[in-house]
PDB file of N, CA and C in Angstrom:
ATOM      1  N   MET A   1       5.892  -8.006   9.188  1.00  0.00           N
ATOM      2  CA  MET A   1       5.207  -7.540   8.327  1.00  0.00           C
ATOM      3  C   MET A   1       4.643  -8.561   7.432  1.00  0.00           C
ATOM      4  N   ASN A   2       3.293  -9.248   7.299  1.00  0.00           N
ATOM      5  CA  ASN A   2       2.699 -10.293   7.159  1.00  0.00           C
ATOM      6  C   ASN A   2       2.754 -10.139   5.285  1.00  0.00           C
ATOM      7  N   GLN A   3       3.459 -10.855   4.326  1.00  0.00           N
ATOM      8  CA  GLN A   3       3.210  -9.694   3.227  1.00  0.00           C
ATOM      9  C   GLN A   3       2.133 -10.005   2.048  1.00  0.00           C
ATOM     10  N   TYR A   4       0.937 -10.921   3.137  1.00  0.00           N
ATOM     11  CA  TYR A   4      -0.541 -11.267   2.455  1.00  0.00           C
ATOM     12  C   TYR A   4      -1.772 -10.472   3.012  1.00  0.00           C
ATOM     13  N   VAL A   5      -1.407 -10.550   4.527  1.00  0.00           N
ATOM     14  CA  VAL A   5      -1.865  -9.766   5.015  1.00  0.00           C
ATOM     15  C   VAL A   5      -2.334  -8.240   5.043  1.00  0.00           C
ATOM     16  N   THR A   6      -0.800  -7.620   4.420  1.00  0.00           N
ATOM     17  CA  THR A   6      -0.191  -6.036   4.201  1.00  0.00           C
ATOM     18  C   THR A   6      -0.660  -5.941   2.821  1.00  0.00           C
ATOM     19  N   GLY A   7      -1.176  -7.023   1.967  1.00  0.00           N
ATOM     20  CA  GLY A   7      -1.351  -7.217   0.796  1.00  0.00           C
ATOM     21  C   GLY A   7      -2.788  -6.321   0.777  1.00  0.00           C
ATOM     22  N   ALA A   8      -3.496  -7.479   0.991  1.00  0.00           N
ATOM     23  CA  ALA A   8      -5.598  -7.518   1.831  1.00  0.00           C
ATOM     24  C   ALA A   8      -5.623  -6.172   2.322  1.00  0.00           C
ATOM     25  N   VAL A   9      -4.557  -5.615   3.503  1.00  0.00           N
ATOM     26  CA  VAL A   9      -5.167  -4.555   3.847  1.00  0.00           C
ATOM     27  C   VAL A   9      -4.995  -3.534   2.343  1.00  0.00           C
ATOM     28  N   ILE A  10      -3.669  -3.607   1.907  1.00  0.00           N
ATOM     29  CA  ILE A  10      -3.873  -2.247   0.540  1.00  0.00           C
ATOM     30  C   ILE A  10      -4.796  -2.580  -0.099  1.00  0.00           C
ATOM     31  N   LYS A  11      -5.299  -3.525  -0.453  1.00  0.00           N
ATOM     32  CA  LYS A  11      -6.545  -3.639  -1.715  1.00  0.00           C
ATOM     33  C   LYS A  11      -7.730  -3.132  -0.601  1.00  0.00           C
ATOM     34  N   GLU A  12      -7.881  -3.114   0.595  1.00  0.00           N
ATOM     35  CA  GLU A  12      -9.366  -2.761   0.881  1.00  0.00           C
ATOM     36  C   GLU A  12      -9.372  -1.314   1.177  1.00  0.00           C
ATOM     37  N   LEU A  13      -7.751  -0.784   2.132  1.00  0.00           N
ATOM     38  CA  LEU A  13      -8.001   0.783   1.433  1.00  0.00           C
ATOM     39  C   LEU A  13      -8.127   1.179   0.415  1.00  0.00           C
ATOM     40  N   ARG A  14      -7.556   0.942  -0.387  1.00  0.00           N
ATOM     41  CA  ARG A  14      -7.744   1.287  -2.228  1.00  0.00           C
ATOM     42  C   ARG A  14      -8.988   1.842  -2.805  1.00  0.00           C
ATOM     43  N   GLU A  15      -9.811   0.352  -2.094  1.00  0.00           N
ATOM     44  CA  GLU A  15     -10.643   0.274  -2.675  1.00  0.00           C
ATOM     45  C   GLU A  15     -12.095   0.986  -1.982  1.00  0.00           C
ATOM     46  N   LYS A  16     -11.840   1.567  -0.807  1.00  0.00           N
ATOM     47  CA  LYS A  16     -12.651   2.871   0.168  1.00  0.00           C
ATOM     48  C   LYS A  16     -12.228   3.844  -0.256  1.00  0.00           C
ATOM     49  N   ASN A  17     -11.145   4.067  -1.018  1.00  0.00           N
ATOM     50  CA  ASN A  17     -10.719   5.261  -1.670  1.00  0.00           C
ATOM     51  C   ASN A  17     -11.634   5.436  -3.321  1.00  0.00           C
ATOM     52  N   ASN A  18     -12.360   4.931  -3.511  1.00  0.00           N
ATOM     53  CA  ASN A  18     -12.463   4.538  -4.661  1.00  0.00           C
ATOM     54  C   ASN A  18     -10.875   4.838  -5.470  1.00  0.00           C
ATOM     55  N   LEU A  19     -10.345   4.028  -6.057  1.00  0.00           N
ATOM     56  CA  LEU A  19      -8.786   4.047  -6.982  1.00  0.00           C
ATOM     57  C   LEU A  19      -8.971   2.895  -7.385  1.00  0.00           C
ATOM     58  N   THR A  20      -8.526   2.830  -8.565  1.00  0.00           N
ATOM     59  CA  THR A  20      -8.007   1.454  -9.712  1.00  0.00           C
ATOM     60  C   THR A  20      -6.672   1.325  -9.215  1.00  0.00           C
ATOM     61  N   GLN A  21      -6.168   0.178  -9.346  1.00  0.00           N
ATOM     62  CA  GLN A  21      -5.037   0.037  -8.821  1.00  0.00           C
ATOM     63  C   GLN A  21      -3.968   0.928  -9.898  1.00  0.00           C
ATOM     64  N   ALA A  22      -4.333   1.216 -11.381  1.00  0.00           N
ATOM     65  CA  ALA A  22      -3.474   1.820 -11.838  1.00  0.00           C
ATOM     66  C   ALA A  22      -3.853   3.317 -11.601  1.00  0.00           C
ATOM     67  N   GLU A  23      -4.660   3.865 -10.839  1.00  0.00           N
ATOM     68  CA  GLU A  23      -4.153   4.937 -10.352  1.00  0.00           C
ATOM     69  C   GLU A  23      -3.836   4.789  -9.311  1.00  0.00           C
ATOM     70  N   LEU A  24      -3.933   4.393  -8.283  1.00  0.00           N
ATOM     71  CA  LEU A  24      -2.987   3.756  -6.869  1.00  0.00           C
ATOM     72  C   LEU A  24      -1.307   3.903  -7.070  1.00  0.00           C
ATOM     73  N   ALA A  25      -1.065   3.421  -8.781  1.00  0.00           N
ATOM     74  CA  ALA A  25       0.635   3.300  -8.897  1.00  0.00           C
ATOM     75  C   ALA A  25       1.034   4.447  -9.277  1.00  0.00           C
ATOM     76  N   GLU A  26      -0.370   5.288 -10.460  1.00  0.00           N
ATOM     77  CA  GLU A  26       0.281   7.013 -10.423  1.00  0.00           C
ATOM     78  C   GLU A  26       0.531   7.681  -9.554  1.00  0.00           C
ATOM     79  N   ARG A  27      -0.082   7.132  -7.656  1.00  0.00           N
ATOM     80  CA  ARG A  27       0.186   8.344  -7.255  1.00  0.00           C
ATOM     81  C   ARG A  27       1.677   7.515  -6.135  1.00  0.00           C
ATOM     82  N   ILE A  28       1.824   6.899  -6.678  1.00  0.00           N
ATOM     83  CA  ILE A  28       2.832   6.569  -6.219  1.00  0.00           C
ATOM     84  C   ILE A  28       3.999   6.547  -6.701  1.00  0.00           C
ATOM     85  N   ASN A  29       3.922   6.466  -8.268  1.00  0.00           N
ATOM     86  CA  ASN A  29       5.016   6.402  -8.955  1.00  0.00           C
ATOM     87  C   ASN A  29       5.799   4.798  -9.512  1.00  0.00           C
ATOM     88  N   SER A  30       5.123   4.415  -9.324  1.00  0.00           N
ATOM     89  CA  SER A  30       4.661   3.013 -10.130  1.00  0.00           C
ATOM     90  C   SER A  30       4.066   2.432 -10.750  1.00  0.00           C
ATOM     91  N   THR A  31       3.439   0.705 -11.170  1.00  0.00           N
ATOM     92  CA  THR A  31       3.144   0.607 -12.073  1.00  0.00           C
ATOM     93  C   THR A  31       1.565  -0.371 -11.446  1.00  0.00           C
ATOM     94  N   LYS A  32       0.847  -0.898 -12.432  1.00  0.00           N
ATOM     95  CA  LYS A  32      -0.671  -0.813 -11.653  1.00  0.00           C
ATOM     96  C   LYS A  32      -0.257  -2.957 -11.555  1.00  0.00           C
ATOM     97  N   SER A  33       0.793  -3.732 -12.607  1.00  0.00           N
ATOM     98  CA  SER A  33       1.624  -4.502 -12.006  1.00  0.00           C
ATOM     99  C   SER A  33       2.215  -4.729 -10.330  1.00  0.00           C
ATOM    100  N   TYR A  34       3.059  -3.455 -10.081  1.00  0.00           N
ATOM    101  CA  TYR A  34       3.095  -3.664  -8.954  1.00  0.00           C
ATOM    102  C   TYR A  34       2.220  -4.111  -7.572  1.00  0.00           C
ATOM    103  N   ILE A  35       1.124  -2.730  -7.988  1.00  0.00           N
ATOM    104  CA  ILE A  35       0.235  -3.156  -7.063  1.00  0.00           C
ATOM    105  C   ILE A  35      -0.157  -3.976  -6.942  1.00  0.00           C
ATOM    106  N   SER A  36      -0.595  -4.948  -7.693  1.00  0.00           N
ATOM    107  CA  SER A  36      -1.154  -5.883  -8.051  1.00  0.00           C
ATOM    108  C   SER A  36      -0.446  -7.304  -6.810  1.00  0.00           C
ATOM    109  N   LYS A  37       0.696  -7.106  -7.616  1.00  0.00           N
ATOM    110  CA  LYS A  37       1.562  -7.928  -6.732  1.00  0.00           C
ATOM    111  C   LYS A  37       1.848  -7.617  -5.028  1.00  0.00           C
ATOM    112  N   LEU A  38       1.170  -6.642  -4.942  1.00  0.00           N
ATOM    113  CA  LEU A  38       1.454  -6.034  -3.607  1.00  0.00           C
ATOM    114  C   LEU A  38      -0.269  -6.959  -3.041  1.00  0.00           C
ATOM    115  N   GLU A  39      -1.172  -6.466  -3.606  1.00  0.00           N
ATOM    116  CA  GLU A  39      -2.483  -7.006  -3.306  1.00  0.00           C
ATOM    117  C   GLU A  39      -2.464  -8.281  -2.950  1.00  0.00           C
ATOM    118  N   LYS A  40      -1.894  -9.287  -4.512  1.00  0.00           N
ATOM    119  CA  LYS A  40      -1.644 -10.665  -4.032  1.00  0.00           C
ATOM    120  C   LYS A  40      -1.165 -11.366  -3.169  1.00  0.00           C
ATOM    121  N   GLY A  41       0.034  -9.941  -2.455  1.00  0.00           N
ATOM    122  CA  GLY A  41       1.384 -10.536  -1.780  1.00  0.00           C
ATOM    123  C   GLY A  41       2.496 -11.633  -1.838  1.00  0.00           C
ATOM    124  N   HIS A  42       2.212 -11.284  -2.955  1.00  0.00           N
ATOM    125  CA  HIS A  42       3.679 -11.780  -3.959  1.00  0.00           C
ATOM    126  C   HIS A  42       4.841 -11.109  -3.314  1.00  0.00           C
ATOM    127  N   VAL A  43       5.192  -9.614  -3.346  1.00  0.00           N
ATOM    128  CA  VAL A  43       5.688  -8.479  -2.349  1.00  0.00           C
ATOM    129  C   VAL A  43       5.055  -7.909  -1.434  1.00  0.00           C
ATOM    130  N   ASN A  44       6.711  -7.782  -0.550  1.00  0.00           N
ATOM    131  CA  ASN A  44       6.312  -6.826   0.547  1.00  0.00           C
ATOM    132  C   ASN A  44       6.395  -5.354  -0.362  1.00  0.00           C
ATOM    133  N   PRO A  45       6.480  -3.776   0.428  1.00  0.00           N
ATOM    134  CA  PRO A  45       6.611  -2.617  -0.572  1.00  0.00           C
ATOM    135  C   PRO A  45       8.012  -2.401   0.521  1.00  0.00           C
ATOM    136  N   SER A  46       8.943  -1.774   0.050  1.00  0.00           N
ATOM    137  CA  SER A  46      10.171  -1.064   0.901  1.00  0.00           C
ATOM    138  C   SER A  46       9.766  -0.367   1.805  1.00  0.00           C
ATOM    139  N   ALA A  47       9.927   0.177   2.997  1.00  0.00           N
ATOM    140  CA  ALA A  47       9.411   1.200   4.343  1.00  0.00           C
ATOM    141  C   ALA A  47       8.990   2.991   3.693  1.00  0.00           C
ATOM    142  N   GLY A  48      10.280   2.846   2.001  1.00  0.00           N
ATOM    143  CA  GLY A  48       9.798   4.545   1.650  1.00  0.00           C
ATOM    144  C   GLY A  48       8.296   4.243   0.970  1.00  0.00           C
ATOM    145  N   LEU A  49       8.812   2.906  -0.005  1.00  0.00           N
ATOM    146  CA  LEU A  49       7.240   2.681  -0.631  1.00  0.00           C
ATOM    147  C   LEU A  49       6.160   2.731   0.121  1.00  0.00           C
ATOM    148  N   PHE A  50       5.780   1.631   0.963  1.00  0.00           N
ATOM    149  CA  PHE A  50       5.100   1.165   2.316  1.00  0.00           C
ATOM    150  C   PHE A  50       4.764   2.926   2.943  1.00  0.00           C
ATOM    151  N   PHE A  51       5.248   3.855   2.485  1.00  0.00           N
ATOM    152  CA  PHE A  51       4.480   5.476   3.231  1.00  0.00           C
ATOM    153  C   PHE A  51       4.442   5.668   2.562  1.00  0.00           C
ATOM    154  N   SER A  52       4.444   5.404   1.372  1.00  0.00           N
ATOM    155  CA  SER A  52       4.049   5.771  -0.083  1.00  0.00           C
ATOM    156  C   SER A  52       2.827   6.116  -0.212  1.00  0.00           C
ATOM    157  N   ILE A  53       2.299   4.486   0.110  1.00  0.00           N
ATOM    158  CA  ILE A  53       1.488   3.952  -0.455  1.00  0.00           C
ATOM    159  C   ILE A  53       0.150   4.338   0.506  1.00  0.00           C
ATOM    160  N   ILE A  54       0.505   4.787   1.826  1.00  0.00           N
ATOM    161  CA  ILE A  54       0.058   5.067   3.086  1.00  0.00           C
ATOM    162  C   ILE A  54      -0.369   6.448   3.133  1.00  0.00           C
ATOM    163  N   ASN A  55       0.682   7.151   2.886  1.00  0.00           N
ATOM    164  CA  ASN A  55      -0.071   8.526   1.951  1.00  0.00           C
ATOM    165  C   ASN A  55      -0.850   9.029   0.938  1.00  0.00           C
ATOM    166  N   ALA A  56      -1.059   8.202   0.285  1.00  0.00           N
ATOM    167  CA  ALA A  56      -1.702   8.246  -1.054  1.00  0.00           C
ATOM    168  C   ALA A  56      -3.453   7.544  -0.602  1.00  0.00           C
ATOM    169  N   LEU A  57      -3.117   6.779  -0.002  1.00  0.00           N
ATOM    170  CA  LEU A  57      -4.686   6.226   0.425  1.00  0.00           C
ATOM    171  C   LEU A  57      -4.737   7.504   1.453  1.00  0.00           C
ATOM    172  N   GLY A  58      -4.427   8.882   2.117  1.00  0.00           N
ATOM    173  CA  GLY A  58      -4.877   9.433   3.157  1.00  0.00           C
ATOM    174  C   GLY A  58      -4.799   8.744   4.548  1.00  0.00           C
ATOM    175  N   MET A  59      -3.920   7.618   4.394  1.00  0.00           N
ATOM    176  CA  MET A  59      -3.744   7.297   6.303  1.00  0.00           C
ATOM    177  C   MET A  59      -2.569   7.960   6.804  1.00  0.00           C
ATOM    178  N   LYS A  60      -2.372   7.477   8.150  1.00  0.00           N
ATOM    179  CA  LYS A  60      -1.801   8.396   8.703  1.00  0.00           C
ATOM    180  C   LYS A  60      -0.878   6.924   9.851  1.00  0.00           C
ATOM    181  N   VAL A  61       0.483   7.318   9.548  1.00  0.00           N
ATOM    182  CA  VAL A  61       1.442   6.258  10.402  1.00  0.00           C
ATOM    183  C   VAL A  61       2.302   6.724  12.055  1.00  0.00           C
ATOM    184  N   GLU A  62       1.447   6.252  13.007  1.00  0.00           N
ATOM    185  CA  GLU A  62       2.427   6.288  14.624  1.00  0.00           C
ATOM    186  C   GLU A  62       3.199   5.981  14.645  1.00  0.00           C
ATOM    187  N   ILE A  63       4.968   5.884  14.441  1.00  0.00           N
ATOM    188  CA  ILE A  63       5.799   5.593  15.246  1.00  0.00           C
ATOM    189  C   ILE A  63       5.791   5.462  16.685  1.00  0.00           C
ATOM    190  N   VAL A  64       5.737   4.140  17.205  1.00  0.00           N
ATOM    191  CA  VAL A  64       5.557   4.790  19.319  1.00  0.00           C
ATOM    192  C   VAL A  64       6.856   3.783  19.315  1.00  0.00           C
ATOM    193  N   LYS A  65       7.573   4.439  20.312  1.00  0.00           N
ATOM    194  CA  LYS A  65       8.538   3.936  20.941  1.00  0.00           C
ATOM    195  C   LYS A  65       8.063   3.245  22.122  1.00  0.00           C
ATOM    196  N   PRO A  66       8.875   1.955  22.148  1.00  0.00           N
ATOM    197  CA  PRO A  66       8.678   0.279  23.546  1.00  0.00           C
ATOM    198  C   PRO A  66       8.722   1.282  24.933  1.00  0.00           C
ATOM    199  N   LEU A  67       8.394   0.786  25.651  1.00  0.00           N
ATOM    200  CA  LEU A  67       8.243   2.048  27.191  1.00  0.00           C
ATOM    201  C   LEU A  67      10.000   1.107  27.512  1.00  0.00           C
TER     202      LEU A  67
END
């Protein structure tokens, strides 16, 4: 997972949902500072936190098994 791309996508989805960093942080039980670091590509979310973020942004993730 490219942390810079991941951060840019998280920021884009957050803005499309009209959420501030603080509001997203509250939804996933985190901090505004952590969301800022995510969006800037300084950190990658853990798998559990990644799914919490996706859920908080109203998205779904499908896991597809390779053929």
